[in-house]
Protein backbone atom coordinates (compact mmCIF):
# COMPACT_ATOMS: atom_id res chain seq x y z
CA UNK A 1 4.61 18.22 18.62
CA UNK A 2 3.97 15.92 21.60
CA UNK A 3 7.07 13.81 20.95
CA UNK A 4 5.11 10.76 19.79
CA UNK A 5 6.50 8.63 16.99
CA UNK A 6 3.74 7.69 14.57
CA UNK A 7 3.95 4.87 12.04
CA UNK A 8 1.67 3.68 9.27
CA UNK A 9 0.94 0.06 8.41
CA UNK A 10 0.03 -0.84 4.81
CA UNK A 11 -3.09 -2.99 4.54
CA UNK A 12 -3.87 -4.66 1.22
CA UNK A 13 -7.51 -5.54 0.67
CA UNK A 14 -6.67 -8.67 -1.41
CA UNK A 15 -9.29 -8.06 -4.08
CA UNK A 16 -9.83 -11.16 -6.25
CA UNK A 17 -9.25 -10.88 -10.00
CA UNK A 18 -12.11 -10.87 -12.47
CA UNK A 19 -12.09 -12.86 -15.68
CA UNK A 20 -12.83 -12.03 -19.31
CA UNK A 21 -15.18 -14.18 -21.38
CA UNK A 22 -12.05 -15.93 -22.66
CA UNK A 23 -10.99 -16.79 -19.11
CA UNK A 24 -8.14 -14.29 -18.84
CA UNK A 25 -7.71 -12.72 -15.39
CA UNK A 26 -7.62 -8.97 -14.97
CA UNK A 27 -7.77 -6.58 -12.05
CA UNK A 28 -7.53 -7.68 -8.46
CA UNK A 29 -4.86 -6.65 -5.99
CA UNK A 30 -1.45 -5.98 -7.43
CA UNK A 31 1.44 -8.23 -6.41
CA UNK A 32 3.45 -5.18 -5.34
CA UNK A 33 0.65 -4.22 -2.93
CA UNK A 34 0.20 -7.76 -1.58
CA UNK A 35 3.93 -7.83 -0.78
CA UNK A 36 3.55 -4.65 1.33
CA UNK A 37 0.64 -5.97 3.40
CA UNK A 38 1.52 -5.54 7.08
CA UNK A 39 4.68 -3.52 6.36
CA UNK A 40 5.19 -0.48 8.61
CA UNK A 41 6.93 2.81 7.89
CA UNK A 42 7.46 5.79 10.16
CA UNK A 43 5.20 8.70 9.33
CA UNK A 44 6.85 10.82 6.64
CA UNK A 45 8.81 7.85 5.25
CA UNK A 46 7.73 6.27 1.95
CA UNK A 47 6.67 2.70 1.35
CA UNK A 48 9.08 1.22 -1.19
CA UNK A 49 7.40 -1.21 -3.58
CA UNK A 50 9.29 -4.10 -5.13
CA UNK A 51 9.14 -2.35 -8.52
CA UNK A 52 11.05 0.61 -7.05
CA UNK A 53 8.08 2.96 -6.76
CA UNK A 54 7.95 5.00 -3.54
CA UNK A 55 4.50 5.83 -2.18
CA UNK A 56 3.73 7.88 0.90
CA UNK A 57 0.26 6.29 1.08
CA UNK A 58 -2.02 4.09 -1.05
CA UNK A 59 -3.17 6.06 -4.07
CA UNK A 60 -0.31 8.57 -3.76
CA UNK A 61 -0.57 10.61 -6.99
CA UNK A 62 3.22 10.94 -7.20
CA UNK A 63 3.47 7.18 -7.87
CA UNK A 64 3.28 5.30 -11.14
CA UNK A 65 -0.22 4.97 -12.57
CA UNK A 66 0.04 1.18 -12.44
CA UNK A 67 0.40 1.40 -8.65
CA UNK A 68 -2.16 4.12 -8.00
CA UNK A 69 -5.21 3.74 -10.22
CA UNK A 70 -8.01 1.73 -8.56
CA UNK A 71 -5.92 0.94 -5.48
CA UNK A 72 -8.09 -0.29 -2.61
CA UNK A 73 -5.34 -0.45 0.02
CA UNK A 74 -5.52 1.57 3.26
CA UNK A 75 -3.16 2.76 5.98
CA UNK A 76 -3.54 1.83 9.63
CA UNK A 77 -1.86 4.41 11.88
CA UNK A 78 -0.16 3.49 15.12
CA UNK A 79 2.03 4.99 17.84
CA UNK A 80 5.42 3.65 18.89
CA UNK A 81 5.60 3.46 22.66
CA UNK A 82 8.90 3.89 24.50
CA UNK A 83 9.75 0.78 26.49
C-alpha cells in the first residue's frame, strides 16, 4: 500500500547429513535448497527450484513432499530502494 517493493531472500541452513550404521548418508540439506541459498524473488513471486518445483516460501505445502518435509530453510525479507 505504501508503494514499497518487497523481496524475499532464500537462506539455506546447510544441515549436515547423518549416517546409518552402514555408513550411508541420509538427511541434511537438499541440493535444490542449497542451490537457492542467497537467491532473491519479489514478494508474491515463487522460488523456482532446479527440479521444477515452485515454492512461495520454505515449507510451502503446495510443493512436492521431497522439497517440503523437514525443510529448515528461512526467508529474509528486504525492501528495494529506488536509486
